[in-house]
Structure formats: C-alpha cells, structure tokens
Amino acid sequence: MDIQAVAGRVTELEHAFQDLSDSVPGLAVDVVGHMSNDSSLVHPVAGFQVRLQHQNRGPGVALYVSANYAELTRWPGDGGGARRERFNVSLSEDFVWGDTRFEDPNQLAQELLGYMQFNLDAVTVS
C-alpha cells in the first residue's frame, strides 16, 4: 500500500466535504493531522472531522474519517449523552463505504453528508 496515495484519497474526500461546507449551513471540516513530509495531505490515520450543527448550538453530529474507518457521534441538545457509531469506510484503494464503492470522493461525501443529516434530524426531533 502506497501511503502517499492513501493520503491523497483521504485529502480528496476532505476537500469534497470542504466544498460542501460552502453550501451547507452548519457544516464545518477540521483536519486532525497532516503528513509530515507533505503538509498539503491529510494523514490517513489522523484523518479529519466533519461537524453538522444548527447555528453551532443544540443538537449536532460529528463524523470522524480516517483511511480505514469512520465514527459518527451524535448528541441531543438537552444535555443527554452522546451516542457513537463506528462503521467501515475504506480509502486504501478506492472510495468505499460498507459494501458500496463510489466513483469519486464527491459522491462518497454526498452520501456521508446525507447520513449525517439523517442523524441530525433524529436527535433534533427526539
């Protein structure tokens, strides 16, 4: 496995989320770590985090993404406990979520954003 190629795919997915943040209110993207030999690339193990929250307060969801898995955290606005869900995302050779392989990072980002929005709706109405 070529670590630079994997870092490139993680970075492409992070950029796809950055592009979405321009048009989706409450969506923010933060890189957790960069490659030491190329700071323009997201480190495949450190990854990045995407947050979705109405007006930066109340209920929200956060999605942490690395090359080998993703973890969704959702929290209600009433001070109740957060819930975590870990699931398979693989960026080692392609853009894969579970059993689905995506053509490009934009498609995967759109699907993951849809899942984040579904979870945000769930904690907003509960």
Protein backbone atom coordinates (compact mmCIF):
# COMPACT_ATOMS: atom_id res chain seq x y z
CA MET A 1 0.00 0.00 0.00
CA ASP A 2 1.36 3.39 -1.03
CA ILE A 3 0.84 5.71 1.97
CA GLN A 4 1.06 8.83 -0.22
CA ALA A 5 -1.73 7.52 -2.48
CA VAL A 6 -3.92 6.74 0.54
CA ALA A 7 -3.21 10.19 1.99
CA GLY A 8 -4.20 11.61 -1.39
CA ARG A 9 -7.60 9.86 -1.28
CA VAL A 10 -8.23 10.98 2.32
CA THR A 11 -7.34 14.53 1.25
CA GLU A 12 -9.66 14.33 -1.78
CA LEU A 13 -12.54 13.31 0.50
CA GLU A 14 -11.71 16.09 2.96
CA HIS A 15 -11.72 18.60 0.05
CA ALA A 16 -15.10 17.25 -1.11
CA PHE A 17 -16.51 17.99 2.36
CA GLN A 18 -14.85 21.44 2.33
CA ASP A 19 -16.64 22.14 -0.96
CA LEU A 20 -19.96 21.04 0.58
CA SER A 21 -19.39 23.32 3.58
CA ASP A 22 -19.68 26.31 1.23
CA SER A 23 -23.34 25.46 0.55
CA VAL A 24 -24.49 23.54 3.64
CA PRO A 25 -25.24 25.75 6.67
CA GLY A 26 -23.72 24.46 9.89
CA LEU A 27 -21.20 22.15 8.17
CA ALA A 28 -17.57 22.56 9.24
CA VAL A 29 -14.47 20.49 8.43
CA ASP A 30 -11.29 20.26 10.52
CA VAL A 31 -8.17 18.29 9.66
CA VAL A 32 -6.86 16.31 12.64
CA GLY A 33 -3.36 15.78 11.20
CA HIS A 34 -1.26 16.29 8.08
CA MET A 35 1.55 14.20 6.60
CA SER A 36 4.93 15.27 7.99
CA ASN A 37 6.59 15.10 4.57
CA ASP A 38 3.76 16.95 2.75
CA SER A 39 1.55 19.26 4.79
CA SER A 40 -0.92 19.56 1.90
CA LEU A 41 -2.02 15.95 2.51
CA VAL A 42 -4.27 14.76 5.33
CA HIS A 43 -2.61 11.98 7.33
CA PRO A 44 -4.50 8.73 6.63
CA VAL A 45 -4.51 7.63 10.29
CA ALA A 46 -5.14 11.04 11.88
CA GLY A 47 -7.83 11.89 9.32
CA PHE A 48 -10.35 14.70 9.61
CA GLN A 49 -13.62 15.57 11.34
CA VAL A 50 -16.83 16.96 9.89
CA ARG A 51 -19.39 18.65 12.17
CA LEU A 52 -23.00 19.44 11.38
CA GLN A 53 -24.99 21.54 13.80
CA HIS A 54 -27.82 24.03 13.54
CA GLN A 55 -26.47 27.50 14.35
CA ASN A 56 -23.45 25.99 16.16
CA ARG A 57 -25.50 25.08 19.24
CA GLY A 58 -28.00 22.49 20.37
CA PRO A 59 -28.11 19.02 18.84
CA GLY A 60 -25.37 18.03 16.46
CA VAL A 61 -23.39 15.30 14.75
CA ALA A 62 -19.70 14.83 14.11
CA LEU A 63 -18.13 12.43 11.65
CA TYR A 64 -14.51 11.41 12.10
CA VAL A 65 -12.96 9.88 8.97
CA SER A 66 -9.66 8.06 8.56
CA ALA A 67 -8.41 5.76 5.80
CA ASN A 68 -9.83 2.62 7.46
CA TYR A 69 -12.98 3.59 9.35
CA ALA A 70 -15.40 6.35 10.23
CA GLU A 71 -17.12 7.15 13.51
CA LEU A 72 -20.31 9.16 13.83
CA THR A 73 -21.09 10.88 17.13
CA ARG A 74 -24.47 12.46 17.70
CA TRP A 75 -25.63 14.43 20.70
CA PRO A 76 -29.04 15.77 21.67
CA GLY A 77 -29.49 19.38 22.66
CA ASP A 78 -30.98 18.53 26.04
CA GLY A 79 -27.68 17.60 27.70
CA GLY A 80 -28.28 13.87 27.25
CA GLY A 81 -25.38 11.57 26.48
CA ALA A 82 -23.72 11.34 23.12
CA ARG A 83 -24.05 8.18 21.01
CA ARG A 84 -21.25 6.81 18.86
CA GLU A 85 -21.39 4.54 15.85
CA ARG A 86 -18.32 3.15 14.12
CA PHE A 87 -18.60 1.86 10.56
CA ASN A 88 -16.50 0.72 7.63
CA VAL A 89 -15.04 3.32 5.33
CA SER A 90 -12.02 2.31 3.29
CA LEU A 91 -9.90 4.76 1.36
CA SER A 92 -6.93 2.43 0.93
CA GLU A 93 -7.59 1.59 -2.71
CA ASP A 94 -10.81 3.39 -3.58
CA PHE A 95 -13.68 5.33 -2.02
CA VAL A 96 -15.67 2.65 -0.16
CA TRP A 97 -18.41 2.79 2.47
CA GLY A 98 -19.57 -0.63 3.65
CA ASP A 99 -20.12 -2.69 0.51
CA THR A 100 -20.52 0.31 -1.79
CA ARG A 101 -17.69 1.57 -3.98
CA PHE A 102 -18.01 5.18 -5.17
CA GLU A 103 -16.68 6.63 -8.41
CA ASP A 104 -15.20 9.70 -6.77
CA PRO A 105 -14.86 11.44 -3.39
CA ASN A 106 -17.72 13.85 -4.11
CA GLN A 107 -20.23 11.00 -4.33
CA LEU A 108 -18.99 9.47 -1.08
CA ALA A 109 -19.07 12.87 0.66
CA GLN A 110 -22.66 13.43 -0.50
CA GLU A 111 -23.76 10.03 0.85
CA LEU A 112 -21.99 10.53 4.18
CA LEU A 113 -23.49 14.02 4.48
CA GLY A 114 -26.94 12.52 3.88
CA TYR A 115 -26.30 10.07 6.72
CA MET A 116 -25.15 12.91 8.96
CA GLN A 117 -28.30 14.90 8.15
CA PHE A 118 -30.48 11.85 8.88
CA ASN A 119 -28.82 11.52 12.30
CA LEU A 120 -29.07 15.24 13.00
CA ASP A 121 -32.80 15.08 12.25
CA ALA A 122 -33.11 12.11 14.64
CA VAL A 123 -31.55 13.97 17.57
CA THR A 124 -33.32 17.22 16.74
CA VAL A 125 -36.83 15.74 17.00
CA SER A 126 -36.17 13.43 19.95
